Amino acid sequence: MQPVNMLEAKSSLSRLVEAVEQGQVPEVVIARNGRPVARLVPLADAPVGRRIGVARGRFVVPDDIDVHNAEVARLLMGGAAR
């Protein structure tokens, strides 16, 4: 694939990423003033580990876990502690 100039890359980034993602092109070279400066390439597939439920059975969630939600939200929004 011919290098893509910076302006075109900015205006069509989604299309370029999709082309690389789907394997239509192995990489996209982005150029500034006709000089290649960057490559858009797919990430190597990393094995995705199982995350959901990894702590199952390791602790018990108390029934009143949400009791202080309003106070925590108020504190995060800059309110004073009572």
N, C-alpha and C. Protein backbone atom coordinates (compact mmCIF):
# COMPACT_ATOMS: atom_id res chain seq x y z
N MET A 1 0.85 -1.18 0.00
CA MET A 1 0.00 0.00 0.00
C MET A 1 0.88 1.23 0.00
N GLN A 2 0.50 2.21 -0.78
CA GLN A 2 1.22 3.48 -0.84
C GLN A 2 1.07 4.21 0.49
N PRO A 3 2.05 5.01 0.88
CA PRO A 3 1.91 5.79 2.10
C PRO A 3 0.68 6.71 2.03
N VAL A 4 0.05 6.90 3.17
CA VAL A 4 -1.12 7.76 3.28
C VAL A 4 -0.65 9.05 3.94
N ASN A 5 -1.02 10.20 3.35
CA ASN A 5 -0.58 11.45 3.96
C ASN A 5 -1.35 11.71 5.25
N MET A 6 -0.81 12.55 6.11
CA MET A 6 -1.35 12.80 7.44
C MET A 6 -2.80 13.27 7.38
N LEU A 7 -3.12 14.18 6.49
CA LEU A 7 -4.48 14.71 6.40
C LEU A 7 -5.47 13.60 6.05
N GLU A 8 -5.11 12.75 5.09
CA GLU A 8 -5.99 11.65 4.72
C GLU A 8 -6.13 10.66 5.87
N ALA A 9 -5.02 10.39 6.57
CA ALA A 9 -5.07 9.46 7.70
C ALA A 9 -5.99 9.99 8.79
N LYS A 10 -5.93 11.30 9.06
CA LYS A 10 -6.78 11.89 10.08
C LYS A 10 -8.24 11.82 9.69
N SER A 11 -8.54 12.05 8.43
CA SER A 11 -9.94 12.08 8.01
C SER A 11 -10.52 10.70 7.75
N SER A 12 -9.67 9.68 7.62
CA SER A 12 -10.21 8.34 7.34
C SER A 12 -9.59 7.28 8.26
N LEU A 13 -9.30 7.67 9.50
CA LEU A 13 -8.66 6.75 10.43
C LEU A 13 -9.50 5.49 10.66
N SER A 14 -10.79 5.63 10.83
CA SER A 14 -11.65 4.46 11.06
C SER A 14 -11.55 3.47 9.91
N ARG A 15 -11.58 3.98 8.68
CA ARG A 15 -11.48 3.10 7.50
C ARG A 15 -10.13 2.41 7.44
N LEU A 16 -9.07 3.14 7.76
CA LEU A 16 -7.73 2.56 7.73
C LEU A 16 -7.57 1.49 8.80
N VAL A 17 -8.06 1.77 10.01
CA VAL A 17 -7.98 0.78 11.09
C VAL A 17 -8.77 -0.47 10.72
N GLU A 18 -9.94 -0.27 10.15
CA GLU A 18 -10.76 -1.42 9.74
C GLU A 18 -10.04 -2.26 8.68
N ALA A 19 -9.38 -1.62 7.72
CA ALA A 19 -8.66 -2.36 6.68
C ALA A 19 -7.54 -3.20 7.28
N VAL A 20 -6.82 -2.63 8.25
CA VAL A 20 -5.74 -3.38 8.91
C VAL A 20 -6.33 -4.49 9.77
N GLU A 21 -7.38 -4.16 10.49
CA GLU A 21 -8.03 -5.11 11.40
C GLU A 21 -8.57 -6.33 10.66
N GLN A 22 -9.13 -6.10 9.48
CA GLN A 22 -9.71 -7.20 8.70
C GLN A 22 -8.70 -7.90 7.81
N GLY A 23 -7.45 -7.46 7.84
CA GLY A 23 -6.42 -8.11 7.04
C GLY A 23 -6.43 -7.74 5.57
N GLN A 24 -7.17 -6.68 5.21
CA GLN A 24 -7.20 -6.24 3.82
C GLN A 24 -5.85 -5.69 3.40
N VAL A 25 -5.14 -5.09 4.35
CA VAL A 25 -3.77 -4.62 4.14
C VAL A 25 -2.96 -5.02 5.36
N PRO A 26 -1.69 -5.39 5.18
CA PRO A 26 -0.88 -5.79 6.33
C PRO A 26 -0.50 -4.62 7.23
N GLU A 27 -0.38 -3.44 6.65
CA GLU A 27 -0.03 -2.25 7.41
C GLU A 27 -0.36 -1.01 6.60
N VAL A 28 -0.47 0.12 7.30
CA VAL A 28 -0.67 1.40 6.63
C VAL A 28 0.49 2.30 7.06
N VAL A 29 1.21 2.84 6.09
CA VAL A 29 2.29 3.77 6.38
C VAL A 29 1.75 5.18 6.28
N ILE A 30 1.96 5.96 7.34
CA ILE A 30 1.48 7.34 7.37
C ILE A 30 2.67 8.26 7.15
N ALA A 31 2.49 9.21 6.23
CA ALA A 31 3.58 10.10 5.87
C ALA A 31 3.24 11.55 6.20
N ARG A 32 4.27 12.29 6.54
CA ARG A 32 4.13 13.74 6.75
C ARG A 32 5.06 14.41 5.74
N ASN A 33 4.50 15.27 4.91
CA ASN A 33 5.28 15.95 3.86
C ASN A 33 6.01 14.95 2.97
N GLY A 34 5.33 13.83 2.68
CA GLY A 34 5.90 12.83 1.78
C GLY A 34 6.92 11.90 2.43
N ARG A 35 7.22 12.09 3.70
CA ARG A 35 8.21 11.26 4.41
C ARG A 35 7.49 10.31 5.37
N PRO A 36 7.66 8.99 5.22
CA PRO A 36 7.01 8.04 6.13
C PRO A 36 7.44 8.29 7.58
N VAL A 37 6.45 8.37 8.48
CA VAL A 37 6.76 8.65 9.88
C VAL A 37 6.12 7.65 10.85
N ALA A 38 5.13 6.89 10.41
CA ALA A 38 4.46 5.96 11.32
C ALA A 38 3.86 4.80 10.55
N ARG A 39 3.66 3.69 11.27
CA ARG A 39 3.01 2.53 10.68
C ARG A 39 1.82 2.14 11.53
N LEU A 40 0.72 1.85 10.88
CA LEU A 40 -0.48 1.34 11.53
C LEU A 40 -0.52 -0.15 11.24
N VAL A 41 -0.34 -0.95 12.27
CA VAL A 41 -0.28 -2.40 12.11
C VAL A 41 -1.22 -3.05 13.12
N PRO A 42 -1.69 -4.26 12.83
CA PRO A 42 -2.55 -4.94 13.80
C PRO A 42 -1.73 -5.40 15.00
N LEU A 43 -2.36 -5.42 16.15
CA LEU A 43 -1.69 -5.96 17.34
C LEU A 43 -1.65 -7.47 17.24
N ALA A 44 -0.59 -8.04 17.77
CA ALA A 44 -0.50 -9.49 17.81
C ALA A 44 -1.60 -10.01 18.73
N ASP A 45 -2.21 -11.10 18.34
CA ASP A 45 -3.26 -11.67 19.17
C ASP A 45 -2.66 -12.16 20.48
N ALA A 46 -3.13 -11.59 21.56
CA ALA A 46 -2.70 -12.02 22.88
C ALA A 46 -3.79 -12.91 23.45
N PRO A 47 -3.41 -14.00 24.07
CA PRO A 47 -4.45 -14.86 24.65
C PRO A 47 -5.21 -14.10 25.73
N VAL A 48 -6.50 -14.18 25.65
CA VAL A 48 -7.34 -13.50 26.63
C VAL A 48 -7.68 -14.49 27.73
N GLY A 49 -7.23 -14.16 28.93
CA GLY A 49 -7.51 -15.04 30.06
C GLY A 49 -8.93 -14.85 30.55
N ARG A 50 -9.40 -15.82 31.25
CA ARG A 50 -10.75 -15.76 31.80
C ARG A 50 -10.72 -14.83 33.01
N ARG A 51 -11.55 -13.79 33.02
CA ARG A 51 -11.55 -12.82 34.11
C ARG A 51 -12.83 -12.87 34.95
N ILE A 52 -13.94 -13.10 34.32
CA ILE A 52 -15.21 -13.05 35.05
C ILE A 52 -15.28 -14.23 36.01
N GLY A 53 -15.54 -13.91 37.26
CA GLY A 53 -15.70 -14.95 38.26
C GLY A 53 -14.41 -15.44 38.88
N VAL A 54 -13.29 -14.74 38.68
CA VAL A 54 -12.01 -15.23 39.20
C VAL A 54 -11.95 -15.23 40.72
N ALA A 55 -12.80 -14.42 41.39
CA ALA A 55 -12.77 -14.37 42.85
C ALA A 55 -13.96 -15.10 43.47
N ARG A 56 -14.68 -15.84 42.66
CA ARG A 56 -15.87 -16.53 43.15
C ARG A 56 -15.48 -17.43 44.34
N GLY A 57 -16.23 -17.26 45.43
CA GLY A 57 -16.01 -18.10 46.60
C GLY A 57 -14.90 -17.61 47.52
N ARG A 58 -14.21 -16.55 47.18
CA ARG A 58 -13.10 -16.06 48.01
C ARG A 58 -13.53 -15.03 49.04
N PHE A 59 -14.70 -14.44 48.86
CA PHE A 59 -15.23 -13.51 49.86
C PHE A 59 -16.74 -13.46 49.73
N VAL A 60 -17.36 -12.92 50.75
CA VAL A 60 -18.81 -12.79 50.77
C VAL A 60 -19.16 -11.31 50.69
N VAL A 61 -20.04 -10.97 49.77
CA VAL A 61 -20.49 -9.59 49.63
C VAL A 61 -21.59 -9.35 50.65
N PRO A 62 -21.40 -8.35 51.53
CA PRO A 62 -22.44 -8.09 52.54
C PRO A 62 -23.72 -7.56 51.90
N ASP A 63 -24.84 -7.85 52.54
CA ASP A 63 -26.14 -7.40 52.02
C ASP A 63 -26.25 -5.88 51.97
N ASP A 64 -25.53 -5.18 52.86
CA ASP A 64 -25.64 -3.72 52.93
C ASP A 64 -24.49 -3.01 52.18
N ILE A 65 -23.95 -3.64 51.15
CA ILE A 65 -22.80 -3.08 50.43
C ILE A 65 -23.09 -1.70 49.82
N ASP A 66 -24.35 -1.44 49.48
CA ASP A 66 -24.70 -0.18 48.83
C ASP A 66 -25.22 0.89 49.78
N VAL A 67 -25.16 0.66 51.07
CA VAL A 67 -25.71 1.58 52.05
C VAL A 67 -25.12 2.98 51.94
N HIS A 68 -23.84 3.10 51.68
CA HIS A 68 -23.16 4.39 51.69
C HIS A 68 -22.95 5.00 50.30
N ASN A 69 -23.61 4.47 49.28
CA ASN A 69 -23.42 4.97 47.91
C ASN A 69 -23.68 6.46 47.77
N ALA A 70 -24.76 6.96 48.36
CA ALA A 70 -25.09 8.39 48.24
C ALA A 70 -24.02 9.25 48.88
N GLU A 71 -23.52 8.84 50.04
CA GLU A 71 -22.48 9.61 50.72
C GLU A 71 -21.17 9.59 49.92
N VAL A 72 -20.81 8.44 49.41
CA VAL A 72 -19.59 8.34 48.60
C VAL A 72 -19.72 9.21 47.35
N ALA A 73 -20.86 9.18 46.70
CA ALA A 73 -21.07 10.01 45.50
C ALA A 73 -20.95 11.49 45.86
N ARG A 74 -21.53 11.90 46.99
CA ARG A 74 -21.45 13.29 47.43
C ARG A 74 -20.00 13.70 47.68
N LEU A 75 -19.23 12.82 48.32
CA LEU A 75 -17.82 13.11 48.59
C LEU A 75 -17.01 13.23 47.28
N LEU A 76 -17.31 12.36 46.33
CA LEU A 76 -16.60 12.41 45.06
C LEU A 76 -16.95 13.66 44.26
N MET A 77 -18.13 14.18 44.50
CA MET A 77 -18.55 15.39 43.80
C MET A 77 -18.12 16.65 44.53
N GLY A 78 -17.31 16.52 45.59
CA GLY A 78 -16.76 17.67 46.28
C GLY A 78 -17.51 18.09 47.52
N GLY A 79 -18.46 17.27 47.96
CA GLY A 79 -19.20 17.60 49.18
C GLY A 79 -18.36 17.32 50.41
N ALA A 80 -18.69 17.95 51.50
CA ALA A 80 -17.96 17.76 52.75
C ALA A 80 -18.45 16.50 53.44
N ALA A 81 -17.55 15.89 54.23
CA ALA A 81 -17.92 14.72 55.02
C ALA A 81 -18.82 15.14 56.17
N ARG A 82 -19.72 14.27 56.57
CA ARG A 82 -20.62 14.59 57.68
C ARG A 82 -19.96 14.29 59.00
